[in-house]
Amino acid sequence: MSGTLHHFSPANTAQNDAEASAKLSRADQLEYLADLTLELKEIADNLGCATLAGVLVVAYREAVIQAQRR
């Protein structure tokens, strides 16, 4: 890789995701975000990126806290 971001999904996936998330509750969307963030944290750990993993842990915890509100 030469410093460019590679997209792994089809171009219309963003639209599909937006439509799907519109059908989910706020809490469901935040729980999904927490799950994704935790997966990214695990990838960062595997790559030895401790600072990035730490930031993602904070983001995961915040998403869980926000999902439990309201």
N, C-alpha and C. Protein backbone atom coordinates (compact mmCIF):
# COMPACT_ATOMS: atom_id res chain seq x y z
N MET A 1 0.84 -1.19 0.00
CA MET A 1 0.00 0.00 0.00
C MET A 1 0.88 1.24 0.00
N SER A 2 0.42 2.22 -0.70
CA SER A 2 1.23 3.41 -0.85
C SER A 2 0.60 4.63 -0.18
N GLY A 3 0.03 4.44 1.00
CA GLY A 3 -0.53 5.56 1.73
C GLY A 3 -1.94 5.93 1.31
N THR A 4 -2.53 5.19 0.39
CA THR A 4 -3.90 5.46 0.00
C THR A 4 -4.83 4.51 0.73
N LEU A 5 -6.03 4.98 0.98
CA LEU A 5 -7.02 4.14 1.63
C LEU A 5 -7.68 3.26 0.59
N HIS A 6 -7.86 2.02 0.93
CA HIS A 6 -8.51 1.08 0.03
C HIS A 6 -9.90 0.79 0.56
N HIS A 7 -10.88 0.92 -0.30
CA HIS A 7 -12.26 0.64 0.09
C HIS A 7 -12.59 -0.79 -0.28
N PHE A 8 -13.17 -1.51 0.65
CA PHE A 8 -13.41 -2.92 0.45
C PHE A 8 -14.87 -3.23 0.13
N SER A 9 -15.71 -2.20 -0.01
CA SER A 9 -17.12 -2.45 -0.25
C SER A 9 -17.59 -1.74 -1.52
N PRO A 10 -18.68 -2.19 -2.09
CA PRO A 10 -19.21 -1.55 -3.30
C PRO A 10 -19.60 -0.10 -3.04
N ALA A 11 -19.69 0.66 -4.10
CA ALA A 11 -19.97 2.10 -3.99
C ALA A 11 -21.33 2.38 -3.36
N ASN A 12 -22.29 1.53 -3.58
CA ASN A 12 -23.63 1.80 -3.05
C ASN A 12 -23.80 1.33 -1.61
N THR A 13 -22.78 0.79 -1.00
CA THR A 13 -22.89 0.30 0.37
C THR A 13 -23.21 1.42 1.35
N ALA A 14 -22.65 2.60 1.16
CA ALA A 14 -22.93 3.73 2.05
C ALA A 14 -24.42 4.06 2.04
N GLN A 15 -25.03 4.04 0.87
CA GLN A 15 -26.46 4.31 0.77
C GLN A 15 -27.25 3.22 1.47
N ASN A 16 -26.86 1.95 1.25
CA ASN A 16 -27.54 0.83 1.90
C ASN A 16 -27.41 0.91 3.41
N ASP A 17 -26.21 1.27 3.89
CA ASP A 17 -25.98 1.41 5.33
C ASP A 17 -26.86 2.52 5.90
N ALA A 18 -26.96 3.63 5.19
CA ALA A 18 -27.78 4.75 5.65
C ALA A 18 -29.24 4.35 5.74
N GLU A 19 -29.73 3.62 4.74
CA GLU A 19 -31.11 3.17 4.76
C GLU A 19 -31.36 2.18 5.89
N ALA A 20 -30.42 1.27 6.11
CA ALA A 20 -30.56 0.29 7.18
C ALA A 20 -30.52 0.95 8.55
N SER A 21 -29.61 1.91 8.72
CA SER A 21 -29.49 2.55 10.03
C SER A 21 -30.69 3.43 10.34
N ALA A 22 -31.38 3.92 9.31
CA ALA A 22 -32.57 4.72 9.54
C ALA A 22 -33.68 3.88 10.16
N LYS A 23 -33.62 2.56 9.97
CA LYS A 23 -34.62 1.65 10.51
C LYS A 23 -34.29 1.19 11.92
N LEU A 24 -33.05 1.44 12.37
CA LEU A 24 -32.61 1.00 13.70
C LEU A 24 -32.78 2.12 14.71
N SER A 25 -32.98 1.74 15.94
CA SER A 25 -33.06 2.74 17.00
C SER A 25 -31.68 3.35 17.24
N ARG A 26 -31.67 4.45 17.95
CA ARG A 26 -30.40 5.11 18.30
C ARG A 26 -29.51 4.16 19.09
N ALA A 27 -30.10 3.46 20.06
CA ALA A 27 -29.34 2.52 20.88
C ALA A 27 -28.76 1.40 20.04
N ASP A 28 -29.55 0.88 19.10
CA ASP A 28 -29.06 -0.19 18.22
C ASP A 28 -27.89 0.29 17.37
N GLN A 29 -28.00 1.51 16.84
CA GLN A 29 -26.92 2.06 16.03
C GLN A 29 -25.66 2.26 16.86
N LEU A 30 -25.81 2.73 18.09
CA LEU A 30 -24.65 2.93 18.96
C LEU A 30 -24.02 1.61 19.38
N GLU A 31 -24.83 0.58 19.61
CA GLU A 31 -24.29 -0.73 19.93
C GLU A 31 -23.51 -1.30 18.74
N TYR A 32 -24.02 -1.08 17.55
CA TYR A 32 -23.32 -1.51 16.34
C TYR A 32 -21.99 -0.76 16.21
N LEU A 33 -22.03 0.53 16.46
CA LEU A 33 -20.81 1.33 16.41
C LEU A 33 -19.80 0.84 17.45
N ALA A 34 -20.28 0.50 18.65
CA ALA A 34 -19.40 -0.04 19.69
C ALA A 34 -18.75 -1.34 19.21
N ASP A 35 -19.53 -2.22 18.60
CA ASP A 35 -18.99 -3.48 18.09
C ASP A 35 -17.92 -3.25 17.03
N LEU A 36 -18.19 -2.34 16.10
CA LEU A 36 -17.21 -2.03 15.06
C LEU A 36 -15.94 -1.45 15.66
N THR A 37 -16.10 -0.57 16.62
CA THR A 37 -14.95 0.06 17.26
C THR A 37 -14.11 -0.98 17.98
N LEU A 38 -14.75 -1.93 18.63
CA LEU A 38 -14.01 -2.99 19.32
C LEU A 38 -13.24 -3.86 18.32
N GLU A 39 -13.84 -4.12 17.18
CA GLU A 39 -13.13 -4.89 16.15
C GLU A 39 -11.91 -4.12 15.66
N LEU A 40 -12.05 -2.82 15.45
CA LEU A 40 -10.92 -2.00 15.03
C LEU A 40 -9.83 -1.98 16.09
N LYS A 41 -10.23 -1.96 17.37
CA LYS A 41 -9.27 -1.98 18.48
C LYS A 41 -8.46 -3.26 18.44
N GLU A 42 -9.12 -4.38 18.16
CA GLU A 42 -8.42 -5.66 18.09
C GLU A 42 -7.42 -5.67 16.93
N ILE A 43 -7.79 -5.08 15.82
CA ILE A 43 -6.86 -4.98 14.68
C ILE A 43 -5.66 -4.14 15.07
N ALA A 44 -5.91 -3.01 15.71
CA ALA A 44 -4.81 -2.14 16.15
C ALA A 44 -3.90 -2.88 17.12
N ASP A 45 -4.47 -3.65 18.04
CA ASP A 45 -3.66 -4.46 18.96
C ASP A 45 -2.78 -5.44 18.19
N ASN A 46 -3.37 -6.12 17.23
CA ASN A 46 -2.62 -7.11 16.44
C ASN A 46 -1.49 -6.48 15.65
N LEU A 47 -1.64 -5.22 15.30
CA LEU A 47 -0.61 -4.51 14.55
C LEU A 47 0.40 -3.82 15.46
N GLY A 48 0.20 -3.93 16.76
CA GLY A 48 1.13 -3.32 17.71
C GLY A 48 0.96 -1.82 17.86
N CYS A 49 -0.22 -1.32 17.55
CA CYS A 49 -0.49 0.12 17.63
C CYS A 49 -1.20 0.41 18.96
N ALA A 50 -0.42 0.48 20.03
CA ALA A 50 -0.98 0.61 21.38
C ALA A 50 -1.77 1.90 21.57
N THR A 51 -1.26 3.01 21.07
CA THR A 51 -1.95 4.29 21.25
C THR A 51 -3.28 4.27 20.51
N LEU A 52 -3.27 3.81 19.28
CA LEU A 52 -4.50 3.73 18.50
C LEU A 52 -5.50 2.79 19.18
N ALA A 53 -5.03 1.67 19.67
CA ALA A 53 -5.90 0.73 20.37
C ALA A 53 -6.51 1.39 21.60
N GLY A 54 -5.72 2.18 22.31
CA GLY A 54 -6.22 2.88 23.50
C GLY A 54 -7.30 3.89 23.16
N VAL A 55 -7.11 4.62 22.08
CA VAL A 55 -8.11 5.60 21.64
C VAL A 55 -9.40 4.87 21.26
N LEU A 56 -9.27 3.74 20.61
CA LEU A 56 -10.45 2.98 20.20
C LEU A 56 -11.18 2.38 21.40
N VAL A 57 -10.46 2.04 22.46
CA VAL A 57 -11.11 1.57 23.68
C VAL A 57 -11.97 2.69 24.26
N VAL A 58 -11.44 3.89 24.28
CA VAL A 58 -12.20 5.05 24.78
C VAL A 58 -13.45 5.26 23.92
N ALA A 59 -13.31 5.17 22.60
CA ALA A 59 -14.45 5.33 21.70
C ALA A 59 -15.48 4.23 21.93
N TYR A 60 -15.01 3.00 22.14
CA TYR A 60 -15.92 1.89 22.42
C TYR A 60 -16.72 2.15 23.69
N ARG A 61 -16.04 2.54 24.74
CA ARG A 61 -16.72 2.81 26.02
C ARG A 61 -17.73 3.94 25.89
N GLU A 62 -17.37 4.97 25.15
CA GLU A 62 -18.29 6.10 24.96
C GLU A 62 -19.53 5.65 24.19
N ALA A 63 -19.36 4.83 23.17
CA ALA A 63 -20.51 4.33 22.41
C ALA A 63 -21.42 3.49 23.30
N VAL A 64 -20.84 2.67 24.17
CA VAL A 64 -21.65 1.86 25.09
C VAL A 64 -22.41 2.76 26.06
N ILE A 65 -21.74 3.75 26.62
CA ILE A 65 -22.39 4.70 27.54
C ILE A 65 -23.55 5.41 26.84
N GLN A 66 -23.30 5.90 25.63
CA GLN A 66 -24.34 6.61 24.90
C GLN A 66 -25.51 5.69 24.55
N ALA A 67 -25.23 4.43 24.26
CA ALA A 67 -26.30 3.47 23.93
C ALA A 67 -27.20 3.21 25.13
N GLN A 68 -26.65 3.33 26.33
CA GLN A 68 -27.42 3.06 27.54
C GLN A 68 -28.24 4.27 27.99
N ARG A 69 -27.97 5.42 27.42
CA ARG A 69 -28.73 6.63 27.76
C ARG A 69 -30.06 6.64 27.03
N ARG A 70 -31.04 7.32 27.62
CA ARG A 70 -32.38 7.52 27.06
C ARG A 70 -33.13 6.27 27.10
